[in-house]
Amino acid sequence: MVYEKIIKRLFSLALAIVMEIVLFIPLLIVGLMIKLTSKGPVLFVQERFGKNLKTF
């Protein structure tokens, strides 16, 4: 039972690492395309208002 949890965790980590490597190049290309075609930043940042209209 414990070994199954360890194997499942290792499989999840390995899959996450592989997907990060596979998706890095397309995401980098998209980020460069956004930066070259628009004035603003690649990632949109917005100020939000919380309790008592404090921004976070």
N, C-alpha and C. Protein backbone atom coordinates (compact mmCIF):
# COMPACT_ATOMS: atom_id res chain seq x y z
N MET A 1 0.83 -1.20 0.00
CA MET A 1 0.00 0.00 0.00
C MET A 1 0.87 1.25 0.00
N VAL A 2 1.87 1.28 0.84
CA VAL A 2 2.76 2.44 0.89
C VAL A 2 3.52 2.57 -0.42
N TYR A 3 3.97 1.43 -0.97
CA TYR A 3 4.70 1.45 -2.23
C TYR A 3 3.84 1.97 -3.37
N GLU A 4 2.55 1.68 -3.35
CA GLU A 4 1.65 2.18 -4.39
C GLU A 4 1.58 3.71 -4.35
N LYS A 5 1.54 4.28 -3.15
CA LYS A 5 1.51 5.74 -3.02
C LYS A 5 2.81 6.36 -3.51
N ILE A 6 3.93 5.70 -3.19
CA ILE A 6 5.23 6.22 -3.63
C ILE A 6 5.34 6.14 -5.14
N ILE A 7 4.93 5.03 -5.73
CA ILE A 7 4.99 4.86 -7.18
C ILE A 7 4.07 5.87 -7.87
N LYS A 8 2.89 6.08 -7.32
CA LYS A 8 1.95 7.04 -7.91
C LYS A 8 2.53 8.45 -7.85
N ARG A 9 3.16 8.79 -6.73
CA ARG A 9 3.77 10.12 -6.58
C ARG A 9 4.93 10.29 -7.57
N LEU A 10 5.78 9.29 -7.70
CA LEU A 10 6.89 9.37 -8.63
C LEU A 10 6.41 9.47 -10.07
N PHE A 11 5.35 8.73 -10.41
CA PHE A 11 4.78 8.82 -11.76
C PHE A 11 4.23 10.21 -12.02
N SER A 12 3.55 10.79 -11.04
CA SER A 12 3.00 12.13 -11.21
C SER A 12 4.11 13.16 -11.40
N LEU A 13 5.15 13.06 -10.61
CA LEU A 13 6.27 13.99 -10.75
C LEU A 13 6.96 13.84 -12.10
N ALA A 14 7.18 12.61 -12.53
CA ALA A 14 7.83 12.37 -13.82
C ALA A 14 6.97 12.93 -14.96
N LEU A 15 5.67 12.71 -14.90
CA LEU A 15 4.78 13.23 -15.93
C LEU A 15 4.78 14.75 -15.94
N ALA A 16 4.77 15.36 -14.76
CA ALA A 16 4.79 16.82 -14.67
C ALA A 16 6.08 17.39 -15.26
N ILE A 17 7.21 16.75 -14.99
CA ILE A 17 8.49 17.22 -15.52
C ILE A 17 8.52 17.09 -17.04
N VAL A 18 8.05 15.97 -17.56
CA VAL A 18 8.02 15.77 -19.01
C VAL A 18 7.11 16.80 -19.67
N MET A 19 5.94 17.04 -19.11
CA MET A 19 5.01 18.00 -19.70
C MET A 19 5.57 19.42 -19.63
N GLU A 20 6.31 19.73 -18.56
CA GLU A 20 6.93 21.05 -18.46
C GLU A 20 7.96 21.24 -19.57
N ILE A 21 8.74 20.22 -19.84
CA ILE A 21 9.73 20.30 -20.90
C ILE A 21 9.05 20.41 -22.27
N VAL A 22 8.01 19.63 -22.50
CA VAL A 22 7.30 19.64 -23.79
C VAL A 22 6.62 20.98 -24.04
N LEU A 23 6.02 21.58 -23.01
CA LEU A 23 5.25 22.81 -23.19
C LEU A 23 6.10 24.07 -23.10
N PHE A 24 7.35 23.96 -22.68
CA PHE A 24 8.19 25.14 -22.50
C PHE A 24 8.39 25.90 -23.81
N ILE A 25 8.73 25.20 -24.88
CA ILE A 25 9.01 25.85 -26.16
C ILE A 25 7.77 26.56 -26.72
N PRO A 26 6.60 25.89 -26.81
CA PRO A 26 5.43 26.62 -27.34
C PRO A 26 5.04 27.82 -26.48
N LEU A 27 5.13 27.69 -25.16
CA LEU A 27 4.78 28.82 -24.31
C LEU A 27 5.78 29.96 -24.45
N LEU A 28 7.04 29.64 -24.65
CA LEU A 28 8.04 30.67 -24.88
C LEU A 28 7.77 31.40 -26.19
N ILE A 29 7.41 30.66 -27.24
CA ILE A 29 7.09 31.28 -28.54
C ILE A 29 5.87 32.18 -28.43
N VAL A 30 4.85 31.72 -27.74
CA VAL A 30 3.64 32.54 -27.57
C VAL A 30 3.96 33.80 -26.77
N GLY A 31 4.75 33.68 -25.73
CA GLY A 31 5.13 34.85 -24.93
C GLY A 31 5.91 35.86 -25.74
N LEU A 32 6.83 35.38 -26.58
CA LEU A 32 7.59 36.29 -27.44
C LEU A 32 6.69 36.96 -28.47
N MET A 33 5.74 36.22 -29.02
CA MET A 33 4.81 36.80 -29.99
C MET A 33 3.96 37.89 -29.35
N ILE A 34 3.50 37.65 -28.13
CA ILE A 34 2.70 38.66 -27.43
C ILE A 34 3.54 39.90 -27.17
N LYS A 35 4.77 39.70 -26.72
CA LYS A 35 5.64 40.83 -26.41
C LYS A 35 5.96 41.65 -27.65
N LEU A 36 6.16 40.99 -28.78
CA LEU A 36 6.52 41.70 -30.00
C LEU A 36 5.34 42.41 -30.66
N THR A 37 4.12 41.95 -30.41
CA THR A 37 2.97 42.53 -31.10
C THR A 37 2.14 43.47 -30.24
N SER A 38 2.43 43.60 -28.96
CA SER A 38 1.64 44.51 -28.12
C SER A 38 2.55 45.30 -27.19
N LYS A 39 2.04 46.44 -26.73
CA LYS A 39 2.83 47.33 -25.88
C LYS A 39 2.93 46.83 -24.44
N GLY A 40 1.89 46.18 -23.96
CA GLY A 40 1.81 45.80 -22.56
C GLY A 40 2.68 44.61 -22.21
N PRO A 41 2.62 44.23 -20.94
CA PRO A 41 3.39 43.07 -20.50
C PRO A 41 2.79 41.77 -21.01
N VAL A 42 3.58 40.70 -20.95
CA VAL A 42 3.11 39.39 -21.40
C VAL A 42 2.03 38.87 -20.46
N LEU A 43 2.24 39.03 -19.16
CA LEU A 43 1.26 38.57 -18.17
C LEU A 43 0.42 39.75 -17.70
N PHE A 44 -0.89 39.60 -17.73
CA PHE A 44 -1.81 40.64 -17.32
C PHE A 44 -1.90 40.68 -15.80
N VAL A 45 -1.71 41.86 -15.24
CA VAL A 45 -1.81 42.03 -13.79
C VAL A 45 -2.89 43.06 -13.52
N GLN A 46 -3.79 42.72 -12.62
CA GLN A 46 -4.91 43.61 -12.33
C GLN A 46 -5.00 43.82 -10.83
N GLU A 47 -5.22 45.07 -10.41
CA GLU A 47 -5.45 45.34 -9.00
C GLU A 47 -6.90 45.00 -8.68
N ARG A 48 -7.08 44.26 -7.60
CA ARG A 48 -8.42 43.86 -7.19
C ARG A 48 -8.73 44.53 -5.86
N PHE A 49 -10.00 44.79 -5.61
CA PHE A 49 -10.41 45.43 -4.37
C PHE A 49 -11.02 44.39 -3.44
N GLY A 50 -10.59 44.43 -2.18
CA GLY A 50 -11.09 43.50 -1.19
C GLY A 50 -11.92 44.24 -0.15
N LYS A 51 -11.87 43.73 1.05
CA LYS A 51 -12.63 44.30 2.15
C LYS A 51 -12.17 45.74 2.41
N ASN A 52 -13.11 46.62 2.65
CA ASN A 52 -12.86 48.05 2.88
C ASN A 52 -12.11 48.69 1.70
N LEU A 53 -12.34 48.20 0.52
CA LEU A 53 -11.76 48.71 -0.72
C LEU A 53 -10.24 48.75 -0.70
N LYS A 54 -9.62 47.83 0.02
CA LYS A 54 -8.16 47.71 0.02
C LYS A 54 -7.76 46.87 -1.19
N THR A 55 -6.71 47.33 -1.90
CA THR A 55 -6.26 46.60 -3.07
C THR A 55 -5.33 45.47 -2.67
N PHE A 56 -5.37 44.42 -3.45
CA PHE A 56 -4.43 43.32 -3.24
C PHE A 56 -4.05 42.73 -4.57
